[in-house]
Amino acid sequence: ARWRALGTIPKSGLELRKEWRELEIRTYYDPEVPELPDLE
């Protein structure tokens, strides 16, 4: 998972398991977003 201003850290994030993906809003909407700077 990504951490703001720290980059991607291995095995540090928690996502809903596949069997519970109906509880995750990104299952229904997953718009693309531009690459943005972490900090001003």
PDB file of all heavy atoms in Angstrom:
ATOM      1  N   ALA A   1       0.824  -1.207   0.000  1.00  0.00           N
ATOM      2  CA  ALA A   1       0.000   0.000   0.000  1.00  0.00           C
ATOM      3  C   ALA A   1       0.858   1.257   0.000  1.00  0.00           C
ATOM      4  O   ALA A   1       1.947   1.283   0.568  1.00  0.00           O
ATOM      5  CB  ALA A   1      -0.927   0.007   1.218  1.00  0.00           C
ATOM      6  N   ARG A   2       0.328   2.285  -0.636  1.00  0.00           N
ATOM      7  CA  ARG A   2       0.987   3.593  -0.631  1.00  0.00           C
ATOM      8  C   ARG A   2       0.701   4.329   0.666  1.00  0.00           C
ATOM      9  O   ARG A   2      -0.391   4.234   1.222  1.00  0.00           O
ATOM     10  CB  ARG A   2       0.506   4.449  -1.811  1.00  0.00           C
ATOM     11  CG  ARG A   2       1.208   4.132  -3.125  1.00  0.00           C
ATOM     12  CD  ARG A   2       0.761   5.078  -4.230  1.00  0.00           C
ATOM     13  NE  ARG A   2       0.916   6.479  -3.869  1.00  0.00           N
ATOM     14  CZ  ARG A   2       2.063   7.152  -3.865  1.00  0.00           C
ATOM     15  NH1 ARG A   2       3.203   6.530  -4.197  1.00  0.00           N
ATOM     16  NH2 ARG A   2       2.103   8.419  -3.535  1.00  0.00           N
ATOM     17  N   TRP A   3       1.697   5.065   1.134  1.00  0.00           N
ATOM     18  CA  TRP A   3       1.566   5.964   2.274  1.00  0.00           C
ATOM     19  C   TRP A   3       1.961   7.355   1.784  1.00  0.00           C
ATOM     20  O   TRP A   3       2.993   7.517   1.121  1.00  0.00           O
ATOM     21  CB  TRP A   3       2.484   5.549   3.417  1.00  0.00           C
ATOM     22  CG  TRP A   3       2.146   4.236   4.064  1.00  0.00           C
ATOM     23  CD1 TRP A   3       1.922   3.038   3.450  1.00  0.00           C
ATOM     24  CD2 TRP A   3       2.022   3.991   5.463  1.00  0.00           C
ATOM     25  NE1 TRP A   3       1.656   2.062   4.371  1.00  0.00           N
ATOM     26  CE2 TRP A   3       1.721   2.614   5.624  1.00  0.00           C
ATOM     27  CE3 TRP A   3       2.141   4.794   6.605  1.00  0.00           C
ATOM     28  CZ2 TRP A   3       1.522   2.030   6.882  1.00  0.00           C
ATOM     29  CZ3 TRP A   3       1.959   4.213   7.859  1.00  0.00           C
ATOM     30  CH2 TRP A   3       1.647   2.852   7.986  1.00  0.00           C
ATOM     31  N   ARG A   4       1.162   8.322   2.078  1.00  0.00           N
ATOM     32  CA  ARG A   4       1.476   9.675   1.625  1.00  0.00           C
ATOM     33  C   ARG A   4       2.850  10.108   2.139  1.00  0.00           C
ATOM     34  O   ARG A   4       3.151  10.003   3.331  1.00  0.00           O
ATOM     35  CB  ARG A   4       0.413  10.658   2.127  1.00  0.00           C
ATOM     36  CG  ARG A   4       0.563  12.076   1.563  1.00  0.00           C
ATOM     37  CD  ARG A   4      -0.625  12.931   1.937  1.00  0.00           C
ATOM     38  NE  ARG A   4      -0.594  14.219   1.244  1.00  0.00           N
ATOM     39  CZ  ARG A   4      -1.602  15.091   1.216  1.00  0.00           C
ATOM     40  NH1 ARG A   4      -2.726  14.792   1.838  1.00  0.00           N
ATOM     41  NH2 ARG A   4      -1.498  16.221   0.564  1.00  0.00           N
ATOM     42  N   ALA A   5       3.674  10.565   1.229  1.00  0.00           N
ATOM     43  CA  ALA A   5       5.028  11.074   1.512  1.00  0.00           C
ATOM     44  C   ALA A   5       6.016   9.989   1.915  1.00  0.00           C
ATOM     45  O   ALA A   5       7.174  10.283   2.185  1.00  0.00           O
ATOM     46  CB  ALA A   5       5.003  12.165   2.591  1.00  0.00           C
ATOM     47  N   LEU A   6       5.574   8.713   1.931  1.00  0.00           N
ATOM     48  CA  LEU A   6       6.482   7.622   2.289  1.00  0.00           C
ATOM     49  C   LEU A   6       6.611   6.585   1.184  1.00  0.00           C
ATOM     50  O   LEU A   6       7.472   5.706   1.267  1.00  0.00           O
ATOM     51  CB  LEU A   6       6.001   6.930   3.579  1.00  0.00           C
ATOM     52  CG  LEU A   6       6.003   7.773   4.859  1.00  0.00           C
ATOM     53  CD1 LEU A   6       5.432   6.962   6.018  1.00  0.00           C
ATOM     54  CD2 LEU A   6       7.393   8.283   5.188  1.00  0.00           C
ATOM     55  N   GLY A   7       5.771   6.657   0.166  1.00  0.00           N
ATOM     56  CA  GLY A   7       5.833   5.697  -0.928  1.00  0.00           C
ATOM     57  C   GLY A   7       5.078   4.413  -0.614  1.00  0.00           C
ATOM     58  O   GLY A   7       4.276   4.341   0.317  1.00  0.00           O
ATOM     59  N   THR A   8       5.355   3.388  -1.411  1.00  0.00           N
ATOM     60  CA  THR A   8       4.692   2.099  -1.227  1.00  0.00           C
ATOM     61  C   THR A   8       5.441   1.265  -0.200  1.00  0.00           C
ATOM     62  O   THR A   8       6.653   1.080  -0.293  1.00  0.00           O
ATOM     63  CB  THR A   8       4.612   1.336  -2.560  1.00  0.00           C
ATOM     64  OG1 THR A   8       3.818   2.102  -3.480  1.00  0.00           O
ATOM     65  CG2 THR A   8       3.967  -0.030  -2.370  1.00  0.00           C
ATOM     66  N   ILE A   9       4.709   0.767   0.784  1.00  0.00           N
ATOM     67  CA  ILE A   9       5.284  -0.062   1.843  1.00  0.00           C
ATOM     68  C   ILE A   9       4.714  -1.469   1.713  1.00  0.00           C
ATOM     69  O   ILE A   9       3.490  -1.648   1.720  1.00  0.00           O
ATOM     70  CB  ILE A   9       4.981   0.517   3.237  1.00  0.00           C
ATOM     71  CG1 ILE A   9       5.626   1.907   3.381  1.00  0.00           C
ATOM     72  CG2 ILE A   9       5.469  -0.418   4.328  1.00  0.00           C
ATOM     73  CD1 ILE A   9       5.335   2.580   4.703  1.00  0.00           C
ATOM     74  N   PRO A  10       5.579  -2.482   1.574  1.00  0.00           N
ATOM     75  CA  PRO A  10       5.087  -3.854   1.401  1.00  0.00           C
ATOM     76  C   PRO A  10       4.227  -4.325   2.570  1.00  0.00           C
ATOM     77  O   PRO A  10       4.531  -4.057   3.729  1.00  0.00           O
ATOM     78  CB  PRO A  10       6.379  -4.681   1.308  1.00  0.00           C
ATOM     79  CG  PRO A  10       7.433  -3.707   0.885  1.00  0.00           C
ATOM     80  CD  PRO A  10       7.045  -2.407   1.513  1.00  0.00           C
ATOM     81  N   LYS A  11       3.145  -4.999   2.221  1.00  0.00           N
ATOM     82  CA  LYS A  11       2.273  -5.672   3.199  1.00  0.00           C
ATOM     83  C   LYS A  11       1.848  -4.741   4.333  1.00  0.00           C
ATOM     84  O   LYS A  11       1.813  -5.132   5.504  1.00  0.00           O
ATOM     85  CB  LYS A  11       2.979  -6.907   3.754  1.00  0.00           C
ATOM     86  CG  LYS A  11       3.303  -7.954   2.695  1.00  0.00           C
ATOM     87  CD  LYS A  11       4.002  -9.159   3.294  1.00  0.00           C
ATOM     88  CE  LYS A  11       4.318 -10.181   2.206  1.00  0.00           C
ATOM     89  NZ  LYS A  11       5.016 -11.383   2.748  1.00  0.00           N
ATOM     90  N   SER A  12       1.469  -3.536   3.968  1.00  0.00           N
ATOM     91  CA  SER A  12       1.110  -2.546   4.993  1.00  0.00           C
ATOM     92  C   SER A  12      -0.324  -2.048   4.877  1.00  0.00           C
ATOM     93  O   SER A  12      -0.750  -1.232   5.693  1.00  0.00           O
ATOM     94  CB  SER A  12       2.051  -1.338   4.897  1.00  0.00           C
ATOM     95  OG  SER A  12       1.855  -0.643   3.669  1.00  0.00           O
ATOM     96  N   GLY A  13      -1.070  -2.523   3.866  1.00  0.00           N
ATOM     97  CA  GLY A  13      -2.434  -2.058   3.671  1.00  0.00           C
ATOM     98  C   GLY A  13      -3.446  -3.172   3.834  1.00  0.00           C
ATOM     99  O   GLY A  13      -3.115  -4.357   3.739  1.00  0.00           O
ATOM    100  N   LEU A  14      -4.683  -2.792   4.080  1.00  0.00           N
ATOM    101  CA  LEU A  14      -5.759  -3.760   4.243  1.00  0.00           C
ATOM    102  C   LEU A  14      -6.877  -3.470   3.246  1.00  0.00           C
ATOM    103  O   LEU A  14      -7.442  -2.374   3.247  1.00  0.00           O
ATOM    104  CB  LEU A  14      -6.314  -3.714   5.671  1.00  0.00           C
ATOM    105  CG  LEU A  14      -5.374  -4.194   6.775  1.00  0.00           C
ATOM    106  CD1 LEU A  14      -5.987  -3.902   8.142  1.00  0.00           C
ATOM    107  CD2 LEU A  14      -5.091  -5.687   6.638  1.00  0.00           C
ATOM    108  N   GLU A  15      -7.160  -4.456   2.409  1.00  0.00           N
ATOM    109  CA  GLU A  15      -8.279  -4.366   1.475  1.00  0.00           C
ATOM    110  C   GLU A  15      -9.310  -5.432   1.825  1.00  0.00           C
ATOM    111  O   GLU A  15      -8.970  -6.481   2.386  1.00  0.00           O
ATOM    112  CB  GLU A  15      -7.793  -4.586   0.035  1.00  0.00           C
ATOM    113  CG  GLU A  15      -6.878  -3.501  -0.482  1.00  0.00           C
ATOM    114  CD  GLU A  15      -6.491  -3.741  -1.933  1.00  0.00           C
ATOM    115  OE1 GLU A  15      -6.983  -4.735  -2.517  1.00  0.00           O
ATOM    116  OE2 GLU A  15      -5.693  -2.945  -2.459  1.00  0.00           O
ATOM    117  N   LEU A  16     -10.553  -5.162   1.466  1.00  0.00           N
ATOM    118  CA  LEU A  16     -11.585  -6.159   1.714  1.00  0.00           C
ATOM    119  C   LEU A  16     -11.328  -7.413   0.881  1.00  0.00           C
ATOM    120  O   LEU A  16     -10.918  -7.321  -0.280  1.00  0.00           O
ATOM    121  CB  LEU A  16     -12.959  -5.588   1.382  1.00  0.00           C
ATOM    122  CG  LEU A  16     -13.516  -4.576   2.391  1.00  0.00           C
ATOM    123  CD1 LEU A  16     -14.811  -3.974   1.873  1.00  0.00           C
ATOM    124  CD2 LEU A  16     -13.740  -5.219   3.747  1.00  0.00           C
ATOM    125  N   ARG A  17     -11.548  -8.550   1.472  1.00  0.00           N
ATOM    126  CA  ARG A  17     -11.388  -9.811   0.750  1.00  0.00           C
ATOM    127  C   ARG A  17     -12.412  -9.920  -0.373  1.00  0.00           C
ATOM    128  O   ARG A  17     -13.447  -9.253  -0.357  1.00  0.00           O
ATOM    129  CB  ARG A  17     -11.553 -10.988   1.717  1.00  0.00           C
ATOM    130  CG  ARG A  17     -10.462 -11.079   2.769  1.00  0.00           C
ATOM    131  CD  ARG A  17     -10.619 -12.321   3.629  1.00  0.00           C
ATOM    132  NE  ARG A  17      -9.558 -12.400   4.633  1.00  0.00           N
ATOM    133  CZ  ARG A  17      -8.346 -12.895   4.403  1.00  0.00           C
ATOM    134  NH1 ARG A  17      -8.043 -13.378   3.196  1.00  0.00           N
ATOM    135  NH2 ARG A  17      -7.446 -12.938   5.363  1.00  0.00           N
ATOM    136  N   LYS A  18     -12.099 -10.758  -1.364  1.00  0.00           N
ATOM    137  CA  LYS A  18     -12.961 -10.888  -2.533  1.00  0.00           C
ATOM    138  C   LYS A  18     -14.393 -11.221  -2.167  1.00  0.00           C
ATOM    139  O   LYS A  18     -15.347 -10.729  -2.783  1.00  0.00           O
ATOM    140  CB  LYS A  18     -12.397 -11.949  -3.478  1.00  0.00           C
ATOM    141  CG  LYS A  18     -11.114 -11.531  -4.179  1.00  0.00           C
ATOM    142  CD  LYS A  18     -10.622 -12.620  -5.131  1.00  0.00           C
ATOM    143  CE  LYS A  18      -9.341 -12.176  -5.828  1.00  0.00           C
ATOM    144  NZ  LYS A  18      -8.824 -13.230  -6.743  1.00  0.00           N
ATOM    145  N   GLU A  19     -14.568 -12.063  -1.154  1.00  0.00           N
ATOM    146  CA  GLU A  19     -15.927 -12.468  -0.788  1.00  0.00           C
ATOM    147  C   GLU A  19     -16.740 -11.346  -0.158  1.00  0.00           C
ATOM    148  O   GLU A  19     -17.963 -11.474   0.005  1.00  0.00           O
ATOM    149  CB  GLU A  19     -15.893 -13.677   0.154  1.00  0.00           C
ATOM    150  CG  GLU A  19     -15.104 -13.480   1.432  1.00  0.00           C
ATOM    151  CD  GLU A  19     -13.678 -13.990   1.335  1.00  0.00           C
ATOM    152  OE1 GLU A  19     -13.050 -13.802   0.265  1.00  0.00           O
ATOM    153  OE2 GLU A  19     -13.201 -14.582   2.324  1.00  0.00           O
ATOM    154  N   TRP A  20     -16.072 -10.240   0.186  1.00  0.00           N
ATOM    155  CA  TRP A  20     -16.785  -9.108   0.780  1.00  0.00           C
ATOM    156  C   TRP A  20     -16.690  -7.852  -0.083  1.00  0.00           C
ATOM    157  O   TRP A  20     -16.967  -6.747   0.387  1.00  0.00           O
ATOM    158  CB  TRP A  20     -16.221  -8.804   2.174  1.00  0.00           C
ATOM    159  CG  TRP A  20     -16.234  -9.971   3.097  1.00  0.00           C
ATOM    160  CD1 TRP A  20     -15.159 -10.621   3.632  1.00  0.00           C
ATOM    161  CD2 TRP A  20     -17.392 -10.654   3.606  1.00  0.00           C
ATOM    162  NE1 TRP A  20     -15.558 -11.656   4.439  1.00  0.00           N
ATOM    163  CE2 TRP A  20     -16.929 -11.703   4.443  1.00  0.00           C
ATOM    164  CE3 TRP A  20     -18.773 -10.483   3.431  1.00  0.00           C
ATOM    165  CZ2 TRP A  20     -17.791 -12.574   5.103  1.00  0.00           C
ATOM    166  CZ3 TRP A  20     -19.638 -11.350   4.090  1.00  0.00           C
ATOM    167  CH2 TRP A  20     -19.146 -12.380   4.906  1.00  0.00           C
ATOM    168  N   ARG A  21     -16.348  -8.007  -1.340  1.00  0.00           N
ATOM    169  CA  ARG A  21     -16.145  -6.827  -2.196  1.00  0.00           C
ATOM    170  C   ARG A  21     -17.423  -6.024  -2.427  1.00  0.00           C
ATOM    171  O   ARG A  21     -17.365  -4.860  -2.823  1.00  0.00           O
ATOM    172  CB  ARG A  21     -15.554  -7.248  -3.543  1.00  0.00           C
ATOM    173  CG  ARG A  21     -14.132  -7.764  -3.469  1.00  0.00           C
ATOM    174  CD  ARG A  21     -13.150  -6.710  -3.000  1.00  0.00           C
ATOM    175  NE  ARG A  21     -12.928  -5.650  -3.969  1.00  0.00           N
ATOM    176  CZ  ARG A  21     -12.151  -4.601  -3.781  1.00  0.00           C
ATOM    177  NH1 ARG A  21     -11.525  -4.468  -2.637  1.00  0.00           N
ATOM    178  NH2 ARG A  21     -12.005  -3.693  -4.714  1.00  0.00           N
ATOM    179  N   GLU A  22     -18.586  -6.639  -2.162  1.00  0.00           N
ATOM    180  CA  GLU A  22     -19.826  -5.863  -2.325  1.00  0.00           C
ATOM    181  C   GLU A  22     -19.942  -4.766  -1.270  1.00  0.00           C
ATOM    182  O   GLU A  22     -20.769  -3.852  -1.390  1.00  0.00           O
ATOM    183  CB  GLU A  22     -21.052  -6.779  -2.250  1.00  0.00           C
ATOM    184  CG  GLU A  22     -21.414  -7.291  -0.864  1.00  0.00           C
ATOM    185  CD  GLU A  22     -20.668  -8.559  -0.484  1.00  0.00           C
ATOM    186  OE1 GLU A  22     -19.739  -8.962  -1.224  1.00  0.00           O
ATOM    187  OE2 GLU A  22     -21.021  -9.162   0.559  1.00  0.00           O
ATOM    188  N   LEU A  23     -19.083  -4.826  -0.240  1.00  0.00           N
ATOM    189  CA  LEU A  23     -19.081  -3.803   0.796  1.00  0.00           C
ATOM    190  C   LEU A  23     -18.132  -2.651   0.475  1.00  0.00           C
ATOM    191  O   LEU A  23     -18.093  -1.666   1.207  1.00  0.00           O
ATOM    192  CB  LEU A  23     -18.669  -4.423   2.140  1.00  0.00           C
ATOM    193  CG  LEU A  23     -19.591  -5.522   2.688  1.00  0.00           C
ATOM    194  CD1 LEU A  23     -18.927  -6.223   3.872  1.00  0.00           C
ATOM    195  CD2 LEU A  23     -20.939  -4.935   3.090  1.00  0.00           C
ATOM    196  N   GLU A  24     -17.368  -2.766  -0.599  1.00  0.00           N
ATOM    197  CA  GLU A  24     -16.377  -1.764  -1.007  1.00  0.00           C
ATOM    198  C   GLU A  24     -16.938  -0.936  -2.150  1.00  0.00           C
ATOM    199  O   GLU A  24     -17.331  -1.468  -3.191  1.00  0.00           O
ATOM    200  CB  GLU A  24     -15.083  -2.465  -1.412  1.00  0.00           C
ATOM    201  CG  GLU A  24     -14.060  -1.612  -2.123  1.00  0.00           C
ATOM    202  CD  GLU A  24     -13.536  -0.461  -1.278  1.00  0.00           C
ATOM    203  OE1 GLU A  24     -12.838  -0.715  -0.282  1.00  0.00           O
ATOM    204  OE2 GLU A  24     -13.831   0.694  -1.655  1.00  0.00           O
ATOM    205  N   ILE A  25     -16.972   0.388  -1.983  1.00  0.00           N
ATOM    206  CA  ILE A  25     -17.584   1.265  -2.990  1.00  0.00           C
ATOM    207  C   ILE A  25     -16.841   1.218  -4.317  1.00  0.00           C
ATOM    208  O   ILE A  25     -17.426   1.399  -5.389  1.00  0.00           O
ATOM    209  CB  ILE A  25     -17.676   2.727  -2.455  1.00  0.00           C
ATOM    210  CG1 ILE A  25     -18.537   3.579  -3.383  1.00  0.00           C
ATOM    211  CG2 ILE A  25     -16.283   3.322  -2.274  1.00  0.00           C
ATOM    212  CD1 ILE A  25     -19.963   3.122  -3.520  1.00  0.00           C
ATOM    213  N   ARG A  26     -15.539   0.895  -4.297  1.00  0.00           N
ATOM    214  CA  ARG A  26     -14.780   0.839  -5.548  1.00  0.00           C
ATOM    215  C   ARG A  26     -15.167  -0.355  -6.408  1.00  0.00           C
ATOM    216  O   ARG A  26     -14.759  -0.432  -7.569  1.00  0.00           O
ATOM    217  CB  ARG A  26     -13.282   0.817  -5.245  1.00  0.00           C
ATOM    218  CG  ARG A  26     -12.711   2.186  -4.908  1.00  0.00           C
ATOM    219  CD  ARG A  26     -11.304   2.101  -4.362  1.00  0.00           C
ATOM    220  NE  ARG A  26     -11.277   1.550  -3.009  1.00  0.00           N
ATOM    221  CZ  ARG A  26     -10.171   1.438  -2.276  1.00  0.00           C
ATOM    222  NH1 ARG A  26      -9.008   1.818  -2.783  1.00  0.00           N
ATOM    223  NH2 ARG A  26     -10.221   0.952  -1.048  1.00  0.00           N
ATOM    224  N   THR A  27     -15.938  -1.263  -5.882  1.00  0.00           N
ATOM    225  CA  THR A  27     -16.481  -2.347  -6.703  1.00  0.00           C
ATOM    226  C   THR A  27     -17.487  -1.803  -7.717  1.00  0.00           C
ATOM    227  O   THR A  27     -17.638  -2.353  -8.813  1.00  0.00           O
ATOM    228  CB  THR A  27     -17.166  -3.397  -5.800  1.00  0.00           C
ATOM    229  OG1 THR A  27     -16.204  -3.902  -4.878  1.00  0.00           O
ATOM    230  CG2 THR A  27     -17.740  -4.551  -6.612  1.00  0.00           C
ATOM    231  N   TYR A  28     -18.113  -0.697  -7.386  1.00  0.00           N
ATOM    232  CA  TYR A  28     -19.169  -0.119  -8.224  1.00  0.00           C
ATOM    233  C   TYR A  28     -18.691   1.101  -9.007  1.00  0.00           C
ATOM    234  O   TYR A  28     -19.175   1.367 -10.112  1.00  0.00           O
ATOM    235  CB  TYR A  28     -20.364   0.268  -7.337  1.00  0.00           C
ATOM    236  CG  TYR A  28     -20.806  -0.856  -6.438  1.00  0.00           C
ATOM    237  CD1 TYR A  28     -20.319  -0.963  -5.129  1.00  0.00           C
ATOM    238  CD2 TYR A  28     -21.679  -1.837  -6.894  1.00  0.00           C
ATOM    239  CE1 TYR A  28     -20.707  -2.008  -4.302  1.00  0.00           C
ATOM    240  CE2 TYR A  28     -22.079  -2.885  -6.063  1.00  0.00           C
ATOM    241  CZ  TYR A  28     -21.588  -2.970  -4.777  1.00  0.00           C
ATOM    242  OH  TYR A  28     -21.965  -4.008  -3.960  1.00  0.00           O
ATOM    243  N   TYR A  29     -17.776   1.851  -8.432  1.00  0.00           N
ATOM    244  CA  TYR A  29     -17.227   3.044  -9.089  1.00  0.00           C
ATOM    245  C   TYR A  29     -15.708   3.015  -8.926  1.00  0.00           C
ATOM    246  O   TYR A  29     -15.209   2.879  -7.813  1.00  0.00           O
ATOM    247  CB  TYR A  29     -17.770   4.324  -8.460  1.00  0.00           C
ATOM    248  CG  TYR A  29     -19.269   4.463  -8.497  1.00  0.00           C
ATOM    249  CD1 TYR A  29     -20.040   4.121  -7.380  1.00  0.00           C
ATOM    250  CD2 TYR A  29     -19.917   4.948  -9.628  1.00  0.00           C
ATOM    251  CE1 TYR A  29     -21.416   4.255  -7.399  1.00  0.00           C
ATOM    252  CE2 TYR A  29     -21.300   5.088  -9.666  1.00  0.00           C
ATOM    253  CZ  TYR A  29     -22.043   4.738  -8.548  1.00  0.00           C
ATOM    254  OH  TYR A  29     -23.414   4.863  -8.569  1.00  0.00           O
ATOM    255  N   ASP A  30     -14.991   3.153 -10.009  1.00  0.00           N
ATOM    256  CA  ASP A  30     -13.523   3.124  -9.937  1.00  0.00           C
ATOM    257  C   ASP A  30     -12.931   4.089 -10.960  1.00  0.00           C
ATOM    258  O   ASP A  30     -12.241   3.686 -11.900  1.00  0.00           O
ATOM    259  CB  ASP A  30     -13.013   1.702 -10.175  1.00  0.00           C
ATOM    260  CG  ASP A  30     -11.547   1.545  -9.770  1.00  0.00           C
ATOM    261  OD1 ASP A  30     -11.056   2.392  -8.999  1.00  0.00           O
ATOM    262  OD2 ASP A  30     -10.905   0.588 -10.240  1.00  0.00           O
ATOM    263  N   PRO A  31     -13.180   5.381 -10.794  1.00  0.00           N
ATOM    264  CA  PRO A  31     -12.689   6.363 -11.761  1.00  0.00           C
ATOM    265  C   PRO A  31     -11.173   6.482 -11.732  1.00  0.00           C
ATOM    266  O   PRO A  31     -10.542   6.273 -10.690  1.00  0.00           O
ATOM    267  CB  PRO A  31     -13.340   7.675 -11.302  1.00  0.00           C
ATOM    268  CG  PRO A  31     -13.573   7.471  -9.843  1.00  0.00           C
ATOM    269  CD  PRO A  31     -13.899   6.021  -9.678  1.00  0.00           C
ATOM    270  N   GLU A  32     -10.589   6.810 -12.866  1.00  0.00           N
ATOM    271  CA  GLU A  32      -9.148   7.061 -12.910  1.00  0.00           C
ATOM    272  C   GLU A  32      -8.866   8.458 -12.368  1.00  0.00           C
ATOM    273  O   GLU A  32      -9.646   9.388 -12.565  1.00  0.00           O
ATOM    274  CB  GLU A  32      -8.635   6.946 -14.351  1.00  0.00           C
ATOM    275  CG  GLU A  32      -8.685   5.535 -14.910  1.00  0.00           C
ATOM    276  CD  GLU A  32      -8.023   5.430 -16.284  1.00  0.00           C
ATOM    277  OE1 GLU A  32      -7.426   6.445 -16.714  1.00  0.00           O
ATOM    278  OE2 GLU A  32      -8.124   4.358 -16.895  1.00  0.00           O
ATOM    279  N   VAL A  33      -7.729   8.584 -11.687  1.00  0.00           N
ATOM    280  CA  VAL A  33      -7.324   9.891 -11.169  1.00  0.00           C
ATOM    281  C   VAL A  33      -5.909  10.172 -11.646  1.00  0.00           C
ATOM    282  O   VAL A  33      -5.113   9.247 -11.843  1.00  0.00           O
ATOM    283  CB  VAL A  33      -7.395   9.946  -9.630  1.00  0.00           C
ATOM    284  CG1 VAL A  33      -8.816   9.712  -9.141  1.00  0.00           C
ATOM    285  CG2 VAL A  33      -6.456   8.940  -8.996  1.00  0.00           C
ATOM    286  N   PRO A  34      -5.578  11.428 -11.844  1.00  0.00           N
ATOM    287  CA  PRO A  34      -4.231  11.760 -12.330  1.00  0.00           C
ATOM    288  C   PRO A  34      -3.186  11.537 -11.247  1.00  0.00           C
ATOM    289  O   PRO A  34      -3.493  11.498 -10.057  1.00  0.00           O
ATOM    290  CB  PRO A  34      -4.351  13.262 -12.669  1.00  0.00           C
ATOM    291  CG  PRO A  34      -5.447  13.759 -11.781  1.00  0.00           C
ATOM    292  CD  PRO A  34      -6.421  12.630 -11.672  1.00  0.00           C
ATOM    293  N   GLU A  35      -1.943  11.381 -11.663  1.00  0.00           N
ATOM    294  CA  GLU A  35      -0.842  11.293 -10.708  1.00  0.00           C
ATOM    295  C   GLU A  35      -0.628  12.673 -10.103  1.00  0.00           C
ATOM    296  O   GLU A  35      -0.499  13.673 -10.812  1.00  0.00           O
ATOM    297  CB  GLU A  35       0.423  10.813 -11.407  1.00  0.00           C
ATOM    298  CG  GLU A  35       1.571  10.531 -10.461  1.00  0.00           C
ATOM    299  CD  GLU A  35       2.763   9.900 -11.157  1.00  0.00           C
ATOM    300  OE1 GLU A  35       2.571   9.236 -12.193  1.00  0.00           O
ATOM    301  OE2 GLU A  35       3.882  10.079 -10.652  1.00  0.00           O
ATOM    302  N   LEU A  36      -0.592  12.731  -8.789  1.00  0.00           N
ATOM    303  CA  LEU A  36      -0.545  14.004  -8.089  1.00  0.00           C
ATOM    304  C   LEU A  36       0.621  14.027  -7.096  1.00  0.00           C
ATOM    305  O   LEU A  36       1.007  12.989  -6.556  1.00  0.00           O
ATOM    306  CB  LEU A  36      -1.856  14.234  -7.324  1.00  0.00           C
ATOM    307  CG  LEU A  36      -3.126  14.301  -8.183  1.00  0.00           C
ATOM    308  CD1 LEU A  36      -4.359  14.159  -7.299  1.00  0.00           C
ATOM    309  CD2 LEU A  36      -3.169  15.610  -8.954  1.00  0.00           C
ATOM    310  N   PRO A  37       1.187  15.199  -6.838  1.00  0.00           N
ATOM    311  CA  PRO A  37       2.260  15.289  -5.840  1.00  0.00           C
ATOM    312  C   PRO A  37       1.712  15.037  -4.442  1.00  0.00           C
ATOM    313  O   PRO A  37       0.601  15.456  -4.111  1.00  0.00           O
ATOM    314  CB  PRO A  37       2.768  16.731  -5.991  1.00  0.00           C
ATOM    315  CG  PRO A  37       1.592  17.483  -6.555  1.00  0.00           C
ATOM    316  CD  PRO A  37       0.878  16.514  -7.449  1.00  0.00           C
ATOM    317  N   ASP A  38       2.502  14.350  -3.622  1.00  0.00           N
ATOM    318  CA  ASP A  38       2.079  14.076  -2.254  1.00  0.00           C
ATOM    319  C   ASP A  38       1.994  15.338  -1.409  1.00  0.00           C
ATOM    320  O   ASP A  38       1.113  15.471  -0.559  1.00  0.00           O
ATOM    321  CB  ASP A  38       3.057  13.101  -1.586  1.00  0.00           C
ATOM    322  CG  ASP A  38       2.796  11.652  -1.962  1.00  0.00           C
ATOM    323  OD1 ASP A  38       1.697  11.368  -2.474  1.00  0.00           O
ATOM    324  OD2 ASP A  38       3.680  10.810  -1.747  1.00  0.00           O
ATOM    325  N   LEU A  39       2.946  16.254  -1.618  1.00  0.00           N
ATOM    326  CA  LEU A  39       3.066  17.427  -0.760  1.00  0.00           C
ATOM    327  C   LEU A  39       3.306  18.674  -1.587  1.00  0.00           C
ATOM    328  O   LEU A  39       3.834  18.610  -2.700  1.00  0.00           O
ATOM    329  CB  LEU A  39       4.225  17.254   0.230  1.00  0.00           C
ATOM    330  CG  LEU A  39       4.164  16.053   1.183  1.00  0.00           C
ATOM    331  CD1 LEU A  39       5.487  15.913   1.926  1.00  0.00           C
ATOM    332  CD2 LEU A  39       3.018  16.192   2.169  1.00  0.00           C
ATOM    333  N   GLU A  40       2.915  19.808  -1.020  1.00  0.00           N
ATOM    334  CA  GLU A  40       3.217  21.085  -1.639  1.00  0.00           C
ATOM    335  C   GLU A  40       4.718  21.368  -1.536  1.00  0.00           C
ATOM    336  O   GLU A  40       5.405  20.856  -0.646  1.00  0.00           O
ATOM    337  CB  GLU A  40       2.435  22.212  -0.951  1.00  0.00           C
ATOM    338  CG  GLU A  40       0.938  22.149  -1.148  1.00  0.00           C
ATOM    339  CD  GLU A  40       0.527  22.427  -2.584  1.00  0.00           C
ATOM    340  OE1 GLU A  40       1.233  23.188  -3.266  1.00  0.00           O
ATOM    341  OE2 GLU A  40      -0.503  21.865  -3.017  1.00  0.00           O
TER     342      GLU A  40
END
